[in-house]
Protein backbone atom coordinates (compact mmCIF):
# COMPACT_ATOMS: atom_id res chain seq x y z
CA MET A 1 -166.60 -74.46 -61.24
CA SER A 2 -166.30 -76.08 -57.81
CA TYR A 3 -169.20 -76.64 -55.45
CA SER A 4 -170.27 -74.27 -52.69
CA PHE A 5 -171.62 -74.94 -49.19
CA ARG A 6 -175.24 -74.23 -48.35
CA SER A 7 -175.87 -72.56 -45.00
CA ASP A 8 -179.07 -74.56 -44.42
CA GLN A 9 -177.43 -77.98 -44.82
CA ARG A 10 -175.11 -80.12 -42.70
CA TYR A 11 -171.78 -81.35 -44.10
CA ARG A 12 -168.98 -83.66 -43.07
CA MET A 13 -166.15 -85.34 -44.98
CA PRO A 14 -166.25 -86.10 -47.84
CA THR A 15 -168.06 -82.84 -48.62
CA HIS A 16 -167.73 -83.09 -52.41
CA PHE A 17 -170.74 -85.41 -52.74
CA GLY A 18 -173.08 -82.90 -51.17
CA PRO A 19 -174.77 -82.56 -47.76
CA SER A 20 -174.34 -85.54 -45.44
CA LEU A 21 -176.99 -87.98 -44.28
CA GLY A 22 -177.18 -88.88 -40.62
CA PRO A 23 -179.20 -88.64 -37.41
CA ARG A 24 -179.96 -84.93 -37.83
CA GLN A 25 -180.41 -84.83 -41.60
CA GLY A 26 -182.23 -87.41 -43.67
CA PRO A 27 -183.06 -87.62 -47.38
CA ASP A 28 -184.15 -84.23 -48.77
CA GLY A 29 -182.86 -82.62 -45.57
CA ARG A 30 -185.72 -83.88 -43.41
CA ARG A 31 -185.35 -84.39 -39.66
CA TYR A 32 -186.46 -87.40 -37.64
CA ALA A 33 -189.20 -87.05 -35.03
CA CYS A 34 -187.73 -89.64 -32.60
CA VAL A 35 -191.13 -90.11 -30.97
CA ASP A 36 -191.68 -93.88 -31.29
CA THR A 37 -188.08 -94.80 -32.11
CA SER A 38 -185.54 -95.99 -31.22
CA ASN A 39 -186.18 -98.94 -28.88
CA ASP A 40 -183.50 -99.01 -26.21
CA THR A 41 -182.43 -101.36 -23.44
CA SER A 42 -180.16 -99.53 -21.01
CA ILE A 43 -178.19 -101.56 -18.45
CA GLN A 44 -176.16 -99.47 -16.04
CA ALA A 45 -174.54 -99.41 -12.63
CA THR A 46 -173.20 -96.52 -10.58
CA PHE A 47 -170.32 -96.88 -8.13
CA LYS A 48 -168.66 -94.61 -5.60
CA ALA A 49 -165.48 -93.04 -6.94
CA GLN A 50 -162.44 -91.21 -5.62
CA PRO A 51 -162.51 -87.56 -6.79
CA ASP A 52 -158.73 -87.17 -6.95
CA GLN A 53 -158.54 -90.06 -9.43
CA ILE A 54 -161.36 -88.64 -11.55
CA ASN A 55 -160.03 -85.08 -11.60
CA ARG A 56 -156.78 -86.25 -13.19
CA LEU A 57 -158.79 -87.45 -16.21
CA LEU A 58 -160.88 -84.32 -16.73
CA PRO A 59 -160.09 -81.71 -19.42
CA PRO A 60 -159.47 -77.99 -18.77
CA GLY A 61 -162.36 -76.21 -17.08
CA PHE A 62 -163.88 -79.37 -15.61
CA SER A 63 -163.90 -80.64 -12.04
CA CYS A 64 -165.43 -83.61 -10.29
CA ARG A 65 -168.55 -82.85 -8.24
CA GLU A 66 -170.40 -84.61 -5.48
CA PRO A 67 -171.65 -87.22 -4.95
CA ASN A 68 -168.36 -88.42 -6.60
CA LEU A 69 -169.65 -91.35 -8.62
CA ILE A 70 -168.81 -93.22 -11.81
CA THR A 71 -171.45 -94.81 -14.03
CA LEU A 72 -171.01 -97.62 -16.55
CA ASN A 73 -173.81 -97.85 -19.09
CA PHE A 74 -174.46 -100.38 -21.84
CA THR A 75 -177.31 -99.47 -24.20
CA TYR A 76 -178.64 -101.74 -26.92
CA SER A 77 -180.69 -99.88 -29.54
CA THR A 78 -182.92 -101.19 -32.32
CA ASN A 79 -185.36 -99.68 -34.81
CA ILE A 80 -183.29 -96.52 -35.34
CA GLU A 81 -185.04 -94.37 -37.93
CA TRP A 82 -181.97 -92.63 -39.37
CA LEU A 83 -180.39 -96.06 -39.97
CA ALA A 84 -183.53 -97.28 -41.78
CA GLY A 85 -184.54 -99.51 -38.87
CA ARG A 86 -181.12 -100.92 -38.00
CA GLY A 87 -179.52 -100.73 -34.57
CA TYR A 88 -176.23 -100.65 -32.68
CA ASN A 89 -174.85 -101.01 -29.15
CA VAL A 90 -172.89 -98.58 -26.97
CA PHE A 91 -170.85 -98.65 -23.77
CA GLY A 92 -170.23 -95.40 -21.92
CA VAL A 93 -168.40 -94.26 -18.80
CA SER A 94 -169.49 -91.00 -17.16
CA VAL A 95 -168.93 -89.03 -13.95
CA PRO A 96 -170.71 -86.08 -12.30
CA ALA A 97 -168.74 -82.95 -13.18
CA THR A 98 -168.94 -79.18 -13.30
CA TYR A 99 -167.71 -77.06 -16.19
CA ARG A 100 -166.74 -73.49 -15.35
CA GLY A 101 -165.96 -71.22 -18.29
CA GLN A 102 -165.93 -67.51 -18.96
CA ASN A 103 -169.66 -67.44 -19.69
CA ASP A 104 -171.06 -70.83 -18.66
CA THR A 105 -171.17 -72.81 -15.45
CA VAL A 106 -172.84 -76.19 -15.95
CA ASN A 107 -173.41 -79.10 -13.58
CA GLY A 108 -173.78 -82.27 -15.59
CA GLU A 109 -172.41 -85.72 -16.31
CA PHE A 110 -169.08 -85.74 -18.14
CA LEU A 111 -168.95 -88.51 -20.73
CA MET A 112 -165.38 -89.75 -20.49
CA VAL A 113 -165.66 -92.26 -23.32
CA LEU A 114 -168.39 -93.89 -25.40
CA TRP A 115 -167.60 -97.10 -27.26
CA GLU A 116 -169.92 -98.06 -30.13
CA ASN A 117 -170.01 -101.05 -32.45
CA MET A 118 -170.88 -99.20 -35.67
CA ALA A 119 -168.85 -96.61 -37.56
CA ASP A 120 -171.72 -94.36 -38.71
CA PRO A 121 -172.86 -93.12 -35.28
CA ILE A 122 -169.22 -92.76 -34.19
CA ILE A 123 -168.41 -90.44 -37.10
CA THR A 124 -171.56 -88.33 -36.78
CA GLY A 125 -171.32 -88.10 -32.99
CA ARG A 126 -167.64 -87.10 -32.96
CA GLU A 127 -167.74 -84.62 -35.81
CA ASP A 128 -171.18 -83.08 -35.33
CA LEU A 129 -171.51 -83.09 -31.55
CA GLY A 130 -168.14 -83.62 -29.89
CA PHE A 131 -168.89 -86.96 -28.21
CA SER A 132 -165.78 -88.95 -27.23
CA LYS A 133 -166.77 -91.91 -29.36
CA ILE A 134 -164.55 -94.82 -30.34
CA TYR A 135 -165.09 -98.33 -31.71
CA CYS A 136 -165.25 -101.71 -30.02
CA GLU A 137 -167.20 -104.96 -30.25
CA ILE A 138 -170.30 -105.00 -28.04
CA PRO A 139 -172.30 -108.23 -28.29
CA ASP A 140 -175.88 -108.33 -27.09
CA ALA A 141 -176.31 -108.67 -23.34
CA GLN A 142 -176.34 -112.20 -21.92
CA PHE A 143 -179.22 -113.05 -19.59
CA ILE A 144 -178.75 -115.92 -17.14
CA GLY A 145 -181.75 -116.32 -14.84
CA ASN A 146 -182.12 -113.05 -12.95
CA ASP A 147 -178.63 -111.85 -13.88
CA VAL A 148 -177.35 -110.04 -16.95
CA ILE A 149 -173.79 -109.69 -18.25
CA CYS A 150 -172.58 -106.99 -20.64
CA ARG A 151 -169.22 -107.21 -22.39
CA ALA A 152 -166.91 -105.06 -24.50
CA SER A 153 -163.94 -106.24 -26.56
CA TRP A 154 -161.63 -105.28 -29.41
CA ASP A 155 -160.48 -107.84 -32.00
CA GLY A 156 -161.58 -110.60 -29.64
CA CYS A 157 -159.84 -109.21 -26.54
CA GLN A 158 -162.46 -108.62 -23.85
CA PHE A 159 -161.44 -105.55 -21.85
CA ALA A 160 -164.56 -104.68 -19.85
CA SER A 161 -167.61 -106.33 -18.34
CA LEU A 162 -170.58 -105.36 -16.21
CA GLN A 163 -172.79 -107.84 -14.37
CA LEU A 164 -176.07 -107.05 -12.66
CA SER A 165 -177.37 -109.70 -10.24
CA ASN A 166 -180.81 -110.55 -8.87
CA LEU A 167 -182.84 -108.27 -11.08
CA LYS A 168 -186.44 -107.66 -10.07
CA GLU A 169 -189.17 -105.82 -11.90
CA VAL A 170 -190.29 -102.46 -10.53
CA SER A 171 -192.51 -99.61 -11.65
CA PRO A 172 -190.80 -96.58 -13.23
CA GLU A 173 -191.68 -94.62 -10.10
CA GLU A 174 -189.57 -97.01 -8.00
CA LEU A 175 -186.38 -96.37 -9.97
CA PRO A 176 -183.59 -94.57 -8.08
CA GLU A 177 -183.90 -90.81 -8.32
CA ALA A 178 -181.20 -89.37 -10.52
CA SER A 179 -178.95 -86.62 -9.21
CA PRO A 180 -179.80 -83.16 -10.57
CA SER A 181 -178.02 -82.66 -13.89
CA GLU A 182 -178.18 -80.13 -16.70
CA GLY A 183 -177.14 -82.74 -19.23
CA LEU A 184 -174.23 -84.64 -20.70
CA LEU A 185 -170.90 -82.80 -20.90
CA HIS A 186 -168.23 -83.44 -23.56
CA TYR A 187 -164.86 -82.11 -24.69
CA LYS A 188 -164.60 -81.80 -28.47
CA TYR A 189 -161.01 -82.01 -29.72
CA PHE A 190 -159.68 -82.36 -33.27
CA PRO A 191 -155.90 -82.22 -33.86
CA LYS A 192 -154.29 -79.81 -36.29
CA THR A 193 -152.68 -81.59 -39.23
CA SER A 194 -148.88 -81.93 -38.98
CA ALA A 195 -148.79 -80.10 -35.65
CA PRO A 196 -148.46 -82.49 -32.68
CA GLY A 197 -150.11 -81.17 -29.54
CA VAL A 198 -151.92 -78.37 -31.41
CA ALA A 199 -155.71 -78.43 -31.82
CA ASP A 200 -157.82 -77.29 -34.73
CA VAL A 201 -160.85 -77.60 -32.42
CA ALA A 202 -160.88 -77.77 -28.61
CA TYR A 203 -163.97 -76.75 -26.63
CA PRO A 204 -166.64 -78.24 -24.35
CA THR A 205 -170.15 -79.08 -25.53
CA LEU A 206 -173.40 -79.91 -23.75
CA THR A 207 -176.21 -82.33 -24.54
CA PRO A 208 -179.14 -80.78 -22.62
CA ALA A 209 -180.89 -83.20 -20.27
CA GLU A 210 -184.40 -82.65 -21.64
CA THR A 211 -185.71 -85.74 -23.49
CA PRO A 212 -189.50 -85.30 -23.59
CA ASN A 213 -190.08 -88.11 -26.09
CA VAL A 214 -188.54 -90.88 -23.95
CA LYS A 215 -191.13 -93.28 -22.50
CA ILE A 216 -190.17 -96.11 -20.13
CA ASP A 217 -191.69 -99.46 -21.08
CA HIS A 218 -190.09 -101.75 -18.52
CA ALA A 219 -187.89 -101.24 -15.45
CA MET A 220 -185.82 -103.51 -13.22
CA ILE A 221 -183.51 -102.95 -10.24
CA ALA A 222 -180.55 -105.19 -9.43
CA GLN A 223 -179.60 -106.24 -5.91
CA SER A 224 -175.90 -105.88 -6.74
CA ALA A 225 -173.51 -105.18 -9.60
CA ASN A 226 -169.89 -105.87 -10.46
CA ALA A 227 -167.76 -104.06 -13.04
CA HIS A 228 -164.31 -104.91 -14.34
CA PHE A 229 -161.76 -103.30 -16.65
CA ARG A 230 -158.99 -105.71 -17.58
CA GLN A 231 -155.39 -104.45 -17.50
CA SER A 232 -154.24 -105.06 -21.06
CA SER A 233 -151.07 -104.92 -23.14
CA TRP A 234 -150.31 -102.83 -26.21
CA GLU A 235 -150.21 -106.03 -28.25
CA GLU A 236 -153.81 -106.79 -27.21
CA LEU A 237 -155.24 -103.27 -27.56
CA PRO A 238 -152.82 -101.23 -29.69
CA THR A 239 -155.08 -98.14 -29.89
CA LEU A 240 -157.15 -98.51 -26.71
CA VAL A 241 -154.66 -99.67 -24.08
CA HIS A 242 -154.09 -96.19 -22.62
CA ILE A 243 -157.84 -95.72 -22.14
CA VAL A 244 -158.63 -99.16 -20.78
CA ASN A 245 -155.70 -99.23 -18.37
CA ALA A 246 -156.48 -95.73 -17.06
CA LEU A 247 -160.03 -96.89 -16.29
CA SER A 248 -158.68 -100.11 -14.79
CA ASP A 249 -156.58 -98.03 -12.38
CA LEU A 250 -159.68 -96.32 -10.97
CA THR A 251 -160.91 -97.55 -7.61
CA LEU A 252 -164.56 -98.51 -7.85
CA GLY A 253 -166.29 -98.36 -4.49
CA ASP A 254 -169.67 -99.70 -3.43
CA CYS A 255 -172.44 -99.96 -6.00
CA VAL A 256 -174.94 -97.15 -5.40
CA ASP A 257 -177.60 -98.41 -7.81
CA ALA A 258 -177.97 -100.70 -10.80
CA THR A 259 -180.86 -100.79 -13.24
CA LEU A 260 -182.19 -102.22 -16.47
CA ILE A 261 -184.57 -99.93 -18.36
CA LYS A 262 -186.38 -100.57 -21.63
CA SER A 263 -187.69 -97.46 -23.33
CA HIS A 264 -188.64 -95.92 -26.65
CA GLY A 265 -188.34 -92.46 -28.11
CA GLY A 266 -185.53 -89.93 -27.93
CA LYS A 267 -184.24 -86.86 -29.77
CA ASP A 268 -181.90 -86.11 -32.67
CA LEU A 269 -179.54 -84.06 -30.45
CA SER A 270 -179.97 -80.94 -32.56
CA ASP A 271 -180.07 -79.05 -29.26
CA GLN A 272 -176.35 -79.72 -28.70
CA ARG A 273 -174.51 -76.51 -27.89
CA ILE A 274 -171.00 -75.17 -27.37
CA LEU A 275 -170.00 -73.99 -23.90
CA SER A 276 -167.68 -71.08 -23.34
């Protein structure tokens, strides 16, 4: 007799070994509180963007919204409970966007792409939540005096960098006020086997903005920031070149703000929901 699926458990491939372990389901099906963990260092900069360029990269139902910005964010996480205390690094690119569907209209930040340097969070985030996650190498940030440099590469080919200059410590209250947002928007897409251009799954999802467990431990503001995507060849980035070169073609305007924030706490993203 073959196995059956339990409605109170989470599964992903391979299903034949039982319910899966991950950020929303630990041993014996327990959840993680995410109160004191993880410990995160988020380094990000926001630049003015051209809406016509951004709109060409948005999926059906999405449109760019004011103030027409693009944000590059590197986050370095440690002490992650669901990884038994291990950590990983991420690099994301997001833009303010509005999703208008038959039932939902949501103003949020559309996550265009999220690179990560570990397979486990990529698999769980893509399959469970619909994040546009892919792999690359993300070494720890390099601090030189009051500057910090973040880098992303694939098989030794560096394709992106972000530098914040003249960082100074501030109180959390002095951080730039974020634009109103209902959360992080995504477009979940899985292709149908042996059917090019046909989807098994294609719909938007939302990560609600509420993160009551997050506590800021340390905050800094940079005087300036510089970001760069390197035009690359197929030989250098055989599976990423179309993404990197599309981002390289975007015109980044003036830096609006740039920050370094150390924090702890989070959530397991069980509040993720489908938009329609």
